Protein backbone atom coordinates (compact mmCIF):
# COMPACT_ATOMS: atom_id res chain seq x y z
CA MET A 1 13.59 1.69 2.03
CA ASN A 2 11.26 -0.79 0.71
CA LYS A 3 7.85 -1.90 2.08
CA ILE A 4 5.69 -4.85 2.54
CA LEU A 5 1.83 -5.34 1.38
CA LEU A 6 0.02 -7.80 3.14
CA ILE A 7 -3.21 -9.45 2.81
CA THR A 8 -5.22 -11.17 5.51
CA ALA A 9 -8.72 -12.22 6.13
CA ALA A 10 -8.67 -8.75 8.15
CA GLY A 11 -7.98 -6.48 5.47
CA TYR A 12 -4.75 -5.22 3.35
CA ILE A 13 -1.51 -4.32 5.73
CA VAL A 14 1.52 -2.18 4.99
CA GLY A 15 5.03 -1.80 6.60
CA ILE A 16 8.78 -2.47 7.09
CA GLU A 17 10.12 -5.25 7.69
CA SER A 18 11.48 -5.68 10.84
CA LEU A 19 15.25 -7.58 11.20
CA ASP A 20 14.74 -8.96 14.22
CA LYS A 21 13.62 -12.33 13.26
CA GLU A 22 13.17 -13.98 16.45
CA ASP A 23 10.42 -16.37 15.76
CA ASP A 24 9.95 -17.90 12.59
CA HIS A 25 6.03 -17.83 13.18
CA ILE A 26 5.74 -14.19 13.63
CA LEU A 27 6.24 -11.38 11.72
CA LYS A 28 7.30 -8.24 13.10
CA LEU A 29 6.43 -4.82 11.00
CA HIS A 30 7.17 -1.13 11.66
CA ASP A 31 5.55 2.25 10.42
CA VAL A 32 2.33 0.23 9.47
CA TYR A 33 -0.62 1.26 7.92
CA ILE A 34 -3.91 -1.12 8.30
CA ASN A 35 -6.91 -0.92 5.53
CA ASN A 36 -9.97 -2.68 6.59
CA PRO A 37 -12.22 -2.61 3.77
CA THR A 38 -14.95 -3.99 5.29
CA GLN A 39 -15.27 -1.19 8.02
CA ARG A 40 -13.84 1.93 5.65
CA LEU A 41 -11.27 1.82 8.24
CA ILE A 42 -7.72 2.77 8.20
CA ASP A 43 -5.23 2.46 11.14
CA HIS A 44 -1.70 3.82 11.93
CA PHE A 45 0.62 1.74 14.46
CA GLU A 46 4.26 2.14 15.27
CA SER A 47 5.04 -1.73 15.22
CA LEU A 48 2.46 -4.82 14.73
CA GLU A 49 3.60 -8.10 15.19
CA ILE A 50 1.40 -10.87 13.18
CA ALA A 51 1.39 -14.15 13.12
CA LYS A 52 2.50 -16.18 9.34
CA LYS A 53 -0.67 -18.25 9.55
CA GLN A 54 -2.64 -15.17 8.95
CA ILE A 55 -0.68 -13.93 5.55
CA ILE A 56 -2.45 -14.73 2.47
CA GLY A 57 -0.25 -13.01 0.40
CA HIS A 58 2.12 -10.77 0.25
CA LYS A 59 4.34 -7.98 -2.19
CA LYS A 60 7.07 -6.27 -2.15
CA LEU A 61 6.59 -2.45 -2.58
CA SER A 62 9.24 0.86 -3.05
CA THR A 63 8.51 3.06 -0.35
CA LEU A 64 7.17 4.92 -3.62
CA ASP A 65 4.55 2.65 -4.68
CA ALA A 66 3.41 2.17 -0.82
CA GLN A 67 2.65 5.95 -0.56
CA ASN A 68 0.84 5.68 -3.29
CA LEU A 69 -1.07 3.31 -2.47
CA ILE A 70 -1.59 4.67 1.19
CA SER A 71 -3.15 7.57 -0.60
CA ARG A 72 -5.05 6.32 -2.64
CA TRP A 73 -7.16 4.56 0.56
CA GLU A 74 -6.86 7.63 1.65
CA ALA A 75 -8.65 9.40 -0.61
CA ASN A 76 -10.90 6.65 -1.01
CA TYR A 77 -12.26 7.13 2.32
CA PHE A 78 -11.90 10.53 3.59
CA THR A 79 -12.78 12.39 0.82
CA THR A 80 -15.54 15.38 0.82
CA SER A 81 -17.93 16.45 -1.16
């Protein structure tokens, strides 16, 4: 299943877009990873709703590309010396 990368003021979001289209102003995602680079923090959520007006940019990702991106985020924040 293809995932989507969203860029927001709070950080980068990777998730699977829900097929539920009840509200045109809200984007519903599930299996969501949020990367907040200013706080060096990665969070995982089962689901998330985001207002479309908060989205600065977006890109569709294959499942493999999404996993590689999330792995790079984790390696950047959670490496041990």
